[in-house]
Amino acid sequence: MNLKLRSEAYYNALQDSHYAIEKAFISRCFQTKMEKHYDNVKLRLHLIDSLYSTQMSKRHYGLEELAKTLSQYSDEKLMLEAHNYVNNETSEIVDKVFTGKYGYNSVGKKQKAVSLISKYLYFLTNYQFPIYDSLVKIAYQDAIKELKDKVIYRKITDGDFVQALSQLNQLSEINNFEKLDNYLWYSQKLRLESYSLILSKEEHLKKLRQKIKN
């Protein structure tokens, strides 16, 4: 089964999962409008950080600073810039957001927030922006083995992940960032035997009990 067919199978397998429920919940929050755009953006970031465990809340003032940056732009403007960026067009706004540093850690070091921002744009564009995180980095290495010498990027970094995943999306003929992300994420969850979001609560409890018995 090739990448495209597996992506379809994984996408269908996730439709009734707890992952899908949480994903739909975040999406509804992107449709809700608050009086102040900053509050709207900050609420979304808190929710994504909590459900996707991006660790941004552990930085001092990280979520506040990122919310301040993103809220400079309307949803419509940022969506347009994100779509253009995916289609290999330059965007000073997207570049600025991704290269910016937000909050600081316990030793006062400021850091970028590429993973959280990519997830924010993923939901803002209705799942048509690639997600970047540690699982995707590993899954990408496995996925490109099937494409052999067709790919330009042999690994992905926080500076070139959009271009690399856009190319994988096309070469695999998946042509859908939502299904591509589902495939990359699901494949690693299976590899790690981490079933908490994949299975129902009852099925997950059953797995845990079987593991204890063995």
Protein backbone atom coordinates (compact mmCIF):
# COMPACT_ATOMS: atom_id res chain seq x y z
CA MET A 1 0.00 0.00 0.00
CA ASN A 2 1.53 3.32 -1.08
CA LEU A 3 1.58 6.62 0.81
CA LYS A 4 -1.59 7.93 -0.76
CA LEU A 5 -3.62 4.81 0.03
CA ARG A 6 -2.28 4.63 3.58
CA SER A 7 -3.11 8.28 4.13
CA GLU A 8 -6.70 7.58 3.09
CA ALA A 9 -6.86 4.57 5.42
CA TYR A 10 -5.43 6.50 8.38
CA TYR A 11 -7.67 9.47 7.71
CA ASN A 12 -10.75 7.24 7.77
CA ALA A 13 -9.52 5.42 10.89
CA LEU A 14 -9.28 8.72 12.78
CA GLN A 15 -12.76 10.00 11.97
CA ASP A 16 -14.40 8.54 15.08
CA SER A 17 -11.40 8.87 17.37
CA HIS A 18 -10.87 11.08 20.41
CA TYR A 19 -8.33 12.93 18.27
CA ALA A 20 -11.11 13.91 15.86
CA ILE A 21 -13.30 15.11 18.73
CA GLU A 22 -10.55 17.35 20.12
CA LYS A 23 -9.69 18.61 16.64
CA ALA A 24 -13.32 19.57 15.97
CA PHE A 25 -13.45 21.34 19.34
CA ILE A 26 -10.45 23.50 18.45
CA SER A 27 -11.97 24.25 15.04
CA ARG A 28 -15.18 25.50 16.66
CA CYS A 29 -13.13 27.91 18.75
CA PHE A 30 -11.65 29.34 15.56
CA GLN A 31 -15.19 30.09 14.38
CA THR A 32 -16.14 31.85 17.62
CA LYS A 33 -15.56 35.60 17.69
CA MET A 34 -14.78 37.54 20.86
CA GLU A 35 -15.02 41.29 21.25
CA LYS A 36 -11.26 41.78 21.20
CA HIS A 37 -9.19 40.05 18.52
CA TYR A 38 -6.26 39.67 20.93
CA ASP A 39 -8.45 37.73 23.37
CA ASN A 40 -9.66 35.54 20.53
CA VAL A 41 -6.11 34.72 19.42
CA LYS A 42 -4.86 34.12 22.95
CA LEU A 43 -7.73 31.73 23.73
CA ARG A 44 -6.99 29.73 20.56
CA LEU A 45 -3.29 29.53 21.41
CA HIS A 46 -4.01 28.36 24.96
CA LEU A 47 -6.31 25.66 23.62
CA ILE A 48 -3.87 24.37 21.00
CA ASP A 49 -0.99 24.47 23.48
CA SER A 50 -3.05 22.49 25.99
CA LEU A 51 -4.43 19.82 23.64
CA TYR A 52 -1.32 19.45 21.47
CA SER A 53 1.20 19.76 24.32
CA THR A 54 3.44 22.32 22.58
CA GLN A 55 4.93 23.34 25.97
CA MET A 56 4.52 27.04 25.17
CA SER A 57 2.73 27.71 28.45
CA LYS A 58 5.92 26.76 30.30
CA ARG A 59 7.64 29.85 28.92
CA HIS A 60 7.23 33.12 30.78
CA TYR A 61 4.91 35.43 28.80
CA GLY A 62 5.27 33.27 25.67
CA LEU A 63 1.58 32.90 24.86
CA GLU A 64 0.93 36.58 25.55
CA GLU A 65 3.75 37.76 23.28
CA LEU A 66 2.76 35.40 20.47
CA ALA A 67 -0.90 36.43 20.77
CA LYS A 68 0.14 40.07 20.56
CA THR A 69 2.08 39.40 17.36
CA LEU A 70 -0.63 37.34 15.66
CA SER A 71 -3.44 39.67 16.65
CA GLN A 72 -1.82 42.47 14.63
CA TYR A 73 -3.35 40.79 11.59
CA SER A 74 -6.97 39.94 10.87
CA ASP A 75 -7.89 36.29 10.36
CA GLU A 76 -8.55 37.03 6.70
CA LYS A 77 -5.16 38.66 6.18
CA LEU A 78 -3.24 35.90 7.94
CA MET A 79 -5.17 33.20 6.06
CA LEU A 80 -4.31 34.81 2.73
CA GLU A 81 -0.65 35.12 3.66
CA ALA A 82 -0.53 31.49 4.84
CA HIS A 83 -2.13 30.22 1.62
CA ASN A 84 0.33 32.23 -0.44
CA TYR A 85 3.24 30.91 1.60
CA VAL A 86 2.21 27.31 1.00
CA ASN A 87 2.07 28.06 -2.72
CA ASN A 88 5.71 29.16 -2.75
CA GLU A 89 4.96 32.86 -2.66
CA THR A 90 6.92 35.09 -0.31
CA SER A 91 5.26 36.50 2.78
CA GLU A 92 7.04 38.95 5.04
CA ILE A 93 4.29 38.47 7.60
CA VAL A 94 4.60 34.67 7.80
CA ASP A 95 8.40 34.88 7.84
CA LYS A 96 8.26 37.46 10.63
CA VAL A 97 5.89 35.35 12.71
CA PHE A 98 7.92 32.17 12.34
CA THR A 99 11.32 33.76 12.97
CA GLY A 100 10.14 35.79 15.96
CA LYS A 101 10.96 34.71 19.50
CA TYR A 102 8.34 34.65 22.21
CA GLY A 103 8.61 34.48 26.00
CA TYR A 104 11.64 33.15 27.83
CA ASN A 105 12.61 30.02 29.70
CA SER A 106 13.96 29.53 33.22
CA VAL A 107 17.38 30.92 32.26
CA GLY A 108 15.98 33.92 30.41
CA LYS A 109 16.48 32.56 26.88
CA LYS A 110 13.91 33.57 24.25
CA GLN A 111 12.88 30.97 21.67
CA LYS A 112 10.87 30.58 18.49
CA ALA A 113 7.44 28.91 18.50
CA VAL A 114 7.35 27.22 15.10
CA SER A 115 5.37 24.16 16.19
CA LEU A 116 2.58 26.14 17.86
CA ILE A 117 2.38 28.68 15.03
CA SER A 118 2.17 25.95 12.39
CA LYS A 119 -0.74 24.38 14.29
CA TYR A 120 -2.44 27.77 14.63
CA LEU A 121 -2.20 28.32 10.86
CA TYR A 122 -3.38 24.74 10.27
CA PHE A 123 -6.64 25.46 12.05
CA LEU A 124 -6.96 28.99 10.72
CA THR A 125 -6.74 27.76 7.11
CA ASN A 126 -9.16 24.88 7.72
CA TYR A 127 -6.37 22.29 7.83
CA GLN A 128 -4.56 23.44 4.70
CA PHE A 129 -1.21 24.41 6.22
CA PRO A 130 1.46 21.86 7.20
CA ILE A 131 2.12 21.09 10.87
CA TYR A 132 5.66 20.90 12.20
CA ASP A 133 6.63 19.06 15.38
CA SER A 134 8.91 16.29 16.64
CA LEU A 135 6.64 13.47 15.44
CA VAL A 136 6.37 14.97 11.96
CA LYS A 137 10.17 15.27 11.73
CA ILE A 138 10.58 11.55 12.41
CA ALA A 139 7.64 10.47 10.24
CA TYR A 140 8.94 12.53 7.33
CA GLN A 141 12.18 10.53 7.30
CA ASP A 142 10.20 7.31 6.98
CA ALA A 143 7.81 8.67 4.34
CA ILE A 144 10.46 9.88 1.90
CA LYS A 145 12.09 6.43 1.75
CA GLU A 146 9.30 5.38 -0.60
CA LEU A 147 9.93 8.34 -2.90
CA LYS A 148 13.66 7.63 -3.16
CA ASP A 149 15.50 10.31 -5.15
CA LYS A 150 12.44 12.40 -6.01
CA VAL A 151 12.59 14.53 -2.86
CA ILE A 152 14.90 17.51 -2.47
CA TYR A 153 14.74 17.70 1.31
CA ARG A 154 16.27 14.68 3.05
CA LYS A 155 15.18 16.00 6.45
CA ILE A 156 13.11 18.92 7.66
CA THR A 157 13.91 21.82 9.95
CA ASP A 158 11.88 24.68 11.37
CA GLY A 159 13.17 26.82 8.50
CA ASP A 160 12.18 24.66 5.52
CA PHE A 161 9.34 22.42 6.74
CA VAL A 162 6.68 24.21 4.66
CA GLN A 163 8.58 23.66 1.43
CA ALA A 164 9.53 20.08 2.32
CA LEU A 165 6.03 19.02 3.36
CA SER A 166 4.48 20.80 0.38
CA GLN A 167 6.75 18.77 -1.88
CA LEU A 168 5.90 15.54 -0.06
CA ASN A 169 2.21 16.39 -0.35
CA GLN A 170 2.56 16.66 -4.13
CA LEU A 171 4.97 13.79 -4.80
CA SER A 172 2.91 11.37 -2.73
CA GLU A 173 -0.21 12.53 -4.63
CA ILE A 174 -1.98 12.96 -1.30
CA ASN A 175 -2.50 16.64 -2.20
CA ASN A 176 -4.22 17.42 1.06
CA PHE A 177 -2.40 18.76 4.12
CA GLU A 178 -5.02 17.45 6.51
CA LYS A 179 -4.62 13.89 5.24
CA LEU A 180 -0.84 14.24 5.07
CA ASP A 181 -0.67 15.41 8.67
CA ASN A 182 -3.02 12.63 9.77
CA TYR A 183 -0.79 10.09 8.05
CA LEU A 184 2.46 11.39 9.55
CA TRP A 185 1.01 11.72 13.06
CA TYR A 186 -0.90 8.41 13.05
CA SER A 187 2.09 6.44 11.73
CA GLN A 188 4.23 7.61 14.64
CA LYS A 189 1.50 6.98 17.22
CA LEU A 190 1.36 3.39 15.99
CA ARG A 191 5.15 3.08 16.03
CA LEU A 192 5.30 4.34 19.61
CA GLU A 193 2.26 2.27 20.62
CA SER A 194 0.68 5.43 21.98
CA TYR A 195 -3.06 4.88 21.65
CA SER A 196 -4.58 7.52 23.96
CA LEU A 197 -6.05 9.68 21.17
CA ILE A 198 -6.43 6.96 18.57
CA LEU A 199 -8.66 4.53 20.46
CA SER A 200 -11.88 5.09 22.36
CA LYS A 201 -11.64 5.35 26.14
CA GLU A 202 -12.87 1.77 26.54
CA GLU A 203 -10.43 0.40 23.95
CA HIS A 204 -7.56 2.32 25.47
CA LEU A 205 -8.31 1.00 28.96
CA LYS A 206 -8.42 -2.51 27.54
CA LYS A 207 -4.99 -2.02 25.94
CA LEU A 208 -3.54 -0.73 29.18
CA ARG A 209 -4.90 -3.65 31.18
CA GLN A 210 -3.55 -6.14 28.64
CA LYS A 211 -0.16 -4.47 28.85
CA ILE A 212 -0.14 -4.77 32.65
CA LYS A 213 -1.07 -8.47 32.48
CA ASN A 214 1.72 -9.18 30.00
